[in-house]
Amino acid sequence: MYVCVCNAINCRTVRTHIGAGAQSVGAVFKAQGCSPRCGKCFDTMREMIQEGQPANMSEPVLRAAE
């Protein structure tokens, strides 16, 4: 399914960029080498990015002292 019709970006491509570290809509477009046009895809991409983040990303990371 196409997420961004203006730039022909599909779900698989968005997930690939998220898996490679994209944490924002802008990062997905940058990784794809294009710019947003109409913005209708932003909400869908944001949801995909949130789903791709670990559940505890909002909690601070605690490390044991060595």
PDB file of N, CA and C in Angstrom:
ATOM      1  N   MET A   1       0.843  -1.177   0.000  1.00  0.00           N
ATOM      2  CA  MET A   1       0.000   0.000   0.000  1.00  0.00           C
ATOM      3  C   MET A   1       0.891   1.243   0.000  1.00  0.00           C
ATOM      4  N   TYR A   2       0.501   2.230  -0.782  1.00  0.00           N
ATOM      5  CA  TYR A   2       1.235   3.486  -0.805  1.00  0.00           C
ATOM      6  C   TYR A   2       0.875   4.327   0.413  1.00  0.00           C
ATOM      7  N   VAL A   3       1.895   4.840   1.057  1.00  0.00           N
ATOM      8  CA  VAL A   3       1.713   5.748   2.185  1.00  0.00           C
ATOM      9  C   VAL A   3       1.753   7.175   1.655  1.00  0.00           C
ATOM     10  N   CYS A   4       2.735   7.452   0.799  1.00  0.00           N
ATOM     11  CA  CYS A   4       2.888   8.773   0.190  1.00  0.00           C
ATOM     12  C   CYS A   4       2.717   8.632  -1.315  1.00  0.00           C
ATOM     13  N   VAL A   5       1.580   9.032  -1.807  1.00  0.00           N
ATOM     14  CA  VAL A   5       1.290   8.930  -3.232  1.00  0.00           C
ATOM     15  C   VAL A   5       2.147   9.927  -4.015  1.00  0.00           C
ATOM     16  N   CYS A   6       2.363  11.105  -3.463  1.00  0.00           N
ATOM     17  CA  CYS A   6       3.125  12.146  -4.159  1.00  0.00           C
ATOM     18  C   CYS A   6       4.541  11.683  -4.517  1.00  0.00           C
ATOM     19  N   ASN A   7       5.153  10.898  -3.628  1.00  0.00           N
ATOM     20  CA  ASN A   7       6.525  10.446  -3.844  1.00  0.00           C
ATOM     21  C   ASN A   7       6.621   8.938  -4.066  1.00  0.00           C
ATOM     22  N   ALA A   8       5.498   8.268  -4.223  1.00  0.00           N
ATOM     23  CA  ALA A   8       5.447   6.821  -4.459  1.00  0.00           C
ATOM     24  C   ALA A   8       6.218   6.046  -3.395  1.00  0.00           C
ATOM     25  N   ILE A   9       5.951   6.363  -2.118  1.00  0.00           N
ATOM     26  CA  ILE A   9       6.584   5.660  -0.994  1.00  0.00           C
ATOM     27  C   ILE A   9       5.560   4.701  -0.403  1.00  0.00           C
ATOM     28  N   ASN A  10       5.920   3.420  -0.366  1.00  0.00           N
ATOM     29  CA  ASN A  10       4.986   2.428   0.150  1.00  0.00           C
ATOM     30  C   ASN A  10       5.335   2.024   1.583  1.00  0.00           C
ATOM     31  N   CYS A  11       4.478   1.191   2.176  1.00  0.00           N
ATOM     32  CA  CYS A  11       4.649   0.746   3.567  1.00  0.00           C
ATOM     33  C   CYS A  11       5.993   0.061   3.781  1.00  0.00           C
ATOM     34  N   ARG A  12       6.357  -0.802   2.862  1.00  0.00           N
ATOM     35  CA  ARG A  12       7.607  -1.543   3.002  1.00  0.00           C
ATOM     36  C   ARG A  12       8.803  -0.591   3.057  1.00  0.00           C
ATOM     37  N   THR A  13       8.790   0.424   2.230  1.00  0.00           N
ATOM     38  CA  THR A  13       9.884   1.392   2.206  1.00  0.00           C
ATOM     39  C   THR A  13       9.949   2.165   3.522  1.00  0.00           C
ATOM     40  N   VAL A  14       8.799   2.598   4.029  1.00  0.00           N
ATOM     41  CA  VAL A  14       8.764   3.323   5.298  1.00  0.00           C
ATOM     42  C   VAL A  14       9.291   2.431   6.415  1.00  0.00           C
ATOM     43  N   ARG A  15       8.859   1.183   6.465  1.00  0.00           N
ATOM     44  CA  ARG A  15       9.330   0.257   7.509  1.00  0.00           C
ATOM     45  C   ARG A  15      10.833   0.000   7.402  1.00  0.00           C
ATOM     46  N   THR A  16      11.341  -0.063   6.183  1.00  0.00           N
ATOM     47  CA  THR A  16      12.780  -0.253   5.979  1.00  0.00           C
ATOM     48  C   THR A  16      13.555   0.917   6.565  1.00  0.00           C
ATOM     49  N   HIS A  17      13.105   2.133   6.310  1.00  0.00           N
ATOM     50  CA  HIS A  17      13.782   3.321   6.833  1.00  0.00           C
ATOM     51  C   HIS A  17      13.660   3.409   8.357  1.00  0.00           C
ATOM     52  N   ILE A  18      12.516   3.022   8.895  1.00  0.00           N
ATOM     53  CA  ILE A  18      12.341   2.998  10.350  1.00  0.00           C
ATOM     54  C   ILE A  18      13.307   1.984  10.958  1.00  0.00           C
ATOM     55  N   GLY A  19      13.405   0.820  10.345  1.00  0.00           N
ATOM     56  CA  GLY A  19      14.327  -0.203  10.814  1.00  0.00           C
ATOM     57  C   GLY A  19      15.783   0.237  10.750  1.00  0.00           C
ATOM     58  N   ALA A  20      16.078   1.138   9.819  1.00  0.00           N
ATOM     59  CA  ALA A  20      17.439   1.655   9.668  1.00  0.00           C
ATOM     60  C   ALA A  20      17.708   2.847  10.580  1.00  0.00           C
ATOM     61  N   GLY A  21      16.689   3.251  11.360  1.00  0.00           N
ATOM     62  CA  GLY A  21      16.906   4.302  12.338  1.00  0.00           C
ATOM     63  C   GLY A  21      16.125   5.589  12.154  1.00  0.00           C
ATOM     64  N   ALA A  22      15.303   5.695  11.122  1.00  0.00           N
ATOM     65  CA  ALA A  22      14.501   6.911  10.935  1.00  0.00           C
ATOM     66  C   ALA A  22      13.514   7.044  12.088  1.00  0.00           C
ATOM     67  N   GLN A  23      13.541   8.198  12.763  1.00  0.00           N
ATOM     68  CA  GLN A  23      12.672   8.417  13.918  1.00  0.00           C
ATOM     69  C   GLN A  23      11.708   9.575  13.724  1.00  0.00           C
ATOM     70  N   SER A  24      11.618  10.068  12.492  1.00  0.00           N
ATOM     71  CA  SER A  24      10.682  11.148  12.201  1.00  0.00           C
ATOM     72  C   SER A  24      10.258  11.055  10.742  1.00  0.00           C
ATOM     73  N   VAL A  25       9.190  11.750  10.424  1.00  0.00           N
ATOM     74  CA  VAL A  25       8.710  11.784   9.045  1.00  0.00           C
ATOM     75  C   VAL A  25       9.788  12.383   8.153  1.00  0.00           C
ATOM     76  N   GLY A  26      10.407  13.453   8.621  1.00  0.00           N
ATOM     77  CA  GLY A  26      11.469  14.096   7.854  1.00  0.00           C
ATOM     78  C   GLY A  26      12.629  13.163   7.569  1.00  0.00           C
ATOM     79  N   ALA A  27      12.954  12.316   8.536  1.00  0.00           N
ATOM     80  CA  ALA A  27      14.054  11.362   8.353  1.00  0.00           C
ATOM     81  C   ALA A  27      13.707  10.324   7.288  1.00  0.00           C
ATOM     82  N   VAL A  28      12.441   9.934   7.213  1.00  0.00           N
ATOM     83  CA  VAL A  28      12.014   8.985   6.178  1.00  0.00           C
ATOM     84  C   VAL A  28      12.183   9.629   4.806  1.00  0.00           C
ATOM     85  N   PHE A  29      11.732  10.864   4.657  1.00  0.00           N
ATOM     86  CA  PHE A  29      11.871  11.552   3.374  1.00  0.00           C
ATOM     87  C   PHE A  29      13.340  11.758   3.019  1.00  0.00           C
ATOM     88  N   LYS A  30      14.144  12.130   3.987  1.00  0.00           N
ATOM     89  CA  LYS A  30      15.575  12.339   3.740  1.00  0.00           C
ATOM     90  C   LYS A  30      16.231  11.041   3.287  1.00  0.00           C
ATOM     91  N   ALA A  31      15.911   9.938   3.973  1.00  0.00           N
ATOM     92  CA  ALA A  31      16.475   8.640   3.606  1.00  0.00           C
ATOM     93  C   ALA A  31      16.032   8.224   2.209  1.00  0.00           C
ATOM     94  N   GLN A  32      14.850   8.633   1.831  1.00  0.00           N
ATOM     95  CA  GLN A  32      14.318   8.294   0.515  1.00  0.00           C
ATOM     96  C   GLN A  32      14.849   9.249  -0.556  1.00  0.00           C
ATOM     97  N   GLY A  33      15.432  10.367  -0.134  1.00  0.00           N
ATOM     98  CA  GLY A  33      15.992  11.328  -1.088  1.00  0.00           C
ATOM     99  C   GLY A  33      14.955  12.197  -1.755  1.00  0.00           C
ATOM    100  N   CYS A  34      13.879  12.496  -1.031  1.00  0.00           N
ATOM    101  CA  CYS A  34      12.825  13.340  -1.582  1.00  0.00           C
ATOM    102  C   CYS A  34      12.289  14.277  -0.505  1.00  0.00           C
ATOM    103  N   SER A  35      11.361  15.118  -0.902  1.00  0.00           N
ATOM    104  CA  SER A  35      10.755  16.087   0.017  1.00  0.00           C
ATOM    105  C   SER A  35       9.256  15.855   0.077  1.00  0.00           C
ATOM    106  N   PRO A  36       8.648  16.154   1.245  1.00  0.00           N
ATOM    107  CA  PRO A  36       7.188  16.035   1.328  1.00  0.00           C
ATOM    108  C   PRO A  36       6.517  17.058   0.414  1.00  0.00           C
ATOM    109  N   ARG A  37       5.346  16.714  -0.061  1.00  0.00           N
ATOM    110  CA  ARG A  37       4.619  17.634  -0.937  1.00  0.00           C
ATOM    111  C   ARG A  37       3.314  18.078  -0.294  1.00  0.00           C
ATOM    112  N   CYS A  38       2.322  17.207  -0.239  1.00  0.00           N
ATOM    113  CA  CYS A  38       1.010  17.641   0.256  1.00  0.00           C
ATOM    114  C   CYS A  38       0.848  17.438   1.761  1.00  0.00           C
ATOM    115  N   GLY A  39       1.585  16.492   2.354  1.00  0.00           N
ATOM    116  CA  GLY A  39       1.526  16.266   3.796  1.00  0.00           C
ATOM    117  C   GLY A  39       0.444  15.314   4.267  1.00  0.00           C
ATOM    118  N   LYS A  40      -0.344  14.759   3.375  1.00  0.00           N
ATOM    119  CA  LYS A  40      -1.419  13.844   3.789  1.00  0.00           C
ATOM    120  C   LYS A  40      -0.882  12.550   4.384  1.00  0.00           C
ATOM    121  N   CYS A  41       0.368  12.232   4.120  1.00  0.00           N
ATOM    122  CA  CYS A  41       0.960  10.986   4.602  1.00  0.00           C
ATOM    123  C   CYS A  41       1.559  11.112   6.004  1.00  0.00           C
ATOM    124  N   PHE A  42       1.692  12.323   6.516  1.00  0.00           N
ATOM    125  CA  PHE A  42       2.385  12.547   7.792  1.00  0.00           C
ATOM    126  C   PHE A  42       1.792  11.735   8.939  1.00  0.00           C
ATOM    127  N   ASP A  43       0.474  11.743   9.083  1.00  0.00           N
ATOM    128  CA  ASP A  43      -0.156  11.016  10.197  1.00  0.00           C
ATOM    129  C   ASP A  43       0.125   9.523  10.117  1.00  0.00           C
ATOM    130  N   THR A  44       0.006   8.968   8.915  1.00  0.00           N
ATOM    131  CA  THR A  44       0.253   7.534   8.744  1.00  0.00           C
ATOM    132  C   THR A  44       1.708   7.195   9.051  1.00  0.00           C
ATOM    133  N   MET A  45       2.633   8.002   8.542  1.00  0.00           N
ATOM    134  CA  MET A  45       4.054   7.754   8.816  1.00  0.00           C
ATOM    135  C   MET A  45       4.360   7.892  10.302  1.00  0.00           C
ATOM    136  N   ARG A  46       3.774   8.873  10.954  1.00  0.00           N
ATOM    137  CA  ARG A  46       3.997   9.041  12.400  1.00  0.00           C
ATOM    138  C   ARG A  46       3.523   7.805  13.165  1.00  0.00           C
ATOM    139  N   GLU A  47       2.361   7.290  12.792  1.00  0.00           N
ATOM    140  CA  GLU A  47       1.850   6.078  13.442  1.00  0.00           C
ATOM    141  C   GLU A  47       2.796   4.904  13.217  1.00  0.00           C
ATOM    142  N   MET A  48       3.296   4.769  12.004  1.00  0.00           N
ATOM    143  CA  MET A  48       4.223   3.680  11.696  1.00  0.00           C
ATOM    144  C   MET A  48       5.514   3.819  12.493  1.00  0.00           C
ATOM    145  N   ILE A  49       5.992   5.040  12.645  1.00  0.00           N
ATOM    146  CA  ILE A  49       7.215   5.287  13.417  1.00  0.00           C
ATOM    147  C   ILE A  49       6.983   4.945  14.878  1.00  0.00           C
ATOM    148  N   GLN A  50       5.835   5.346  15.432  1.00  0.00           N
ATOM    149  CA  GLN A  50       5.530   5.023  16.828  1.00  0.00           C
ATOM    150  C   GLN A  50       5.413   3.521  17.038  1.00  0.00           C
ATOM    151  N   GLU A  51       4.813   2.832  16.094  1.00  0.00           N
ATOM    152  CA  GLU A  51       4.679   1.370  16.191  1.00  0.00           C
ATOM    153  C   GLU A  51       6.041   0.683  16.096  1.00  0.00           C
ATOM    154  N   GLY A  52       6.966   1.313  15.402  1.00  0.00           N
ATOM    155  CA  GLY A  52       8.285   0.732  15.219  1.00  0.00           C
ATOM    156  C   GLY A  52       9.222   0.961  16.383  1.00  0.00           C
ATOM    157  N   GLN A  53       8.828   1.814  17.338  1.00  0.00           N
ATOM    158  CA  GLN A  53       9.660   2.110  18.500  1.00  0.00           C
ATOM    159  C   GLN A  53       9.379   1.093  19.603  1.00  0.00           C
ATOM    160  N   PRO A  54      10.408   0.731  20.362  1.00  0.00           N
ATOM    161  CA  PRO A  54      10.178  -0.141  21.514  1.00  0.00           C
ATOM    162  C   PRO A  54       9.195   0.499  22.493  1.00  0.00           C
ATOM    163  N   ALA A  55       8.442  -0.311  23.211  1.00  0.00           N
ATOM    164  CA  ALA A  55       7.394   0.187  24.111  1.00  0.00           C
ATOM    165  C   ALA A  55       7.943   1.080  25.205  1.00  0.00           C
ATOM    166  N   ASN A  56       9.174   0.881  25.640  1.00  0.00           N
ATOM    167  CA  ASN A  56       9.713   1.646  26.763  1.00  0.00           C
ATOM    168  C   ASN A  56      10.618   2.797  26.324  1.00  0.00           C
ATOM    169  N   MET A  57      10.480   3.298  25.100  1.00  0.00           N
ATOM    170  CA  MET A  57      11.344   4.384  24.622  1.00  0.00           C
ATOM    171  C   MET A  57      11.195   5.661  25.441  1.00  0.00           C
ATOM    172  N   SER A  58      10.054   5.876  26.066  1.00  0.00           N
ATOM    173  CA  SER A  58       9.845   7.095  26.829  1.00  0.00           C
ATOM    174  C   SER A  58      10.484   7.027  28.215  1.00  0.00           C
ATOM    175  N   GLU A  59      10.856   5.832  28.635  1.00  0.00           N
ATOM    176  CA  GLU A  59      11.477   5.682  29.944  1.00  0.00           C
ATOM    177  C   GLU A  59      12.989   5.833  29.831  1.00  0.00           C
ATOM    178  N   PRO A  60      13.620   6.412  30.847  1.00  0.00           N
ATOM    179  CA  PRO A  60      15.068   6.562  30.791  1.00  0.00           C
ATOM    180  C   PRO A  60      15.767   5.210  30.832  1.00  0.00           C
ATOM    181  N   VAL A  61      16.900   5.167  30.184  1.00  0.00           N
ATOM    182  CA  VAL A  61      17.689   3.938  30.178  1.00  0.00           C
ATOM    183  C   VAL A  61      18.583   3.929  31.411  1.00  0.00           C
ATOM    184  N   LEU A  62      18.513   2.855  32.184  1.00  0.00           N
ATOM    185  CA  LEU A  62      19.339   2.726  33.376  1.00  0.00           C
ATOM    186  C   LEU A  62      20.416   1.694  33.099  1.00  0.00           C
ATOM    187  N   ARG A  63      21.651   2.035  33.464  1.00  0.00           N
ATOM    188  CA  ARG A  63      22.756   1.112  33.252  1.00  0.00           C
ATOM    189  C   ARG A  63      23.377   0.768  34.574  1.00  0.00           C
ATOM    190  N   ALA A  64      23.760  -0.457  34.710  1.00  0.00           N
ATOM    191  CA  ALA A  64      24.422  -0.906  35.942  1.00  0.00           C
ATOM    192  C   ALA A  64      25.832  -0.338  35.981  1.00  0.00           C
ATOM    193  N   ALA A  65      26.268   0.041  37.170  1.00  0.00           N
ATOM    194  CA  ALA A  65      27.632   0.542  37.332  1.00  0.00           C
ATOM    195  C   ALA A  65      28.598  -0.615  37.176  1.00  0.00           C
ATOM    196  N   GLU A  66      29.682  -0.343  36.501  1.00  0.00           N
ATOM    197  CA  GLU A  66      30.666  -1.411  36.287  1.00  0.00           C
ATOM    198  C   GLU A  66      31.717  -1.403  37.358  1.00  0.00           C
TER     199      GLU A  66
END
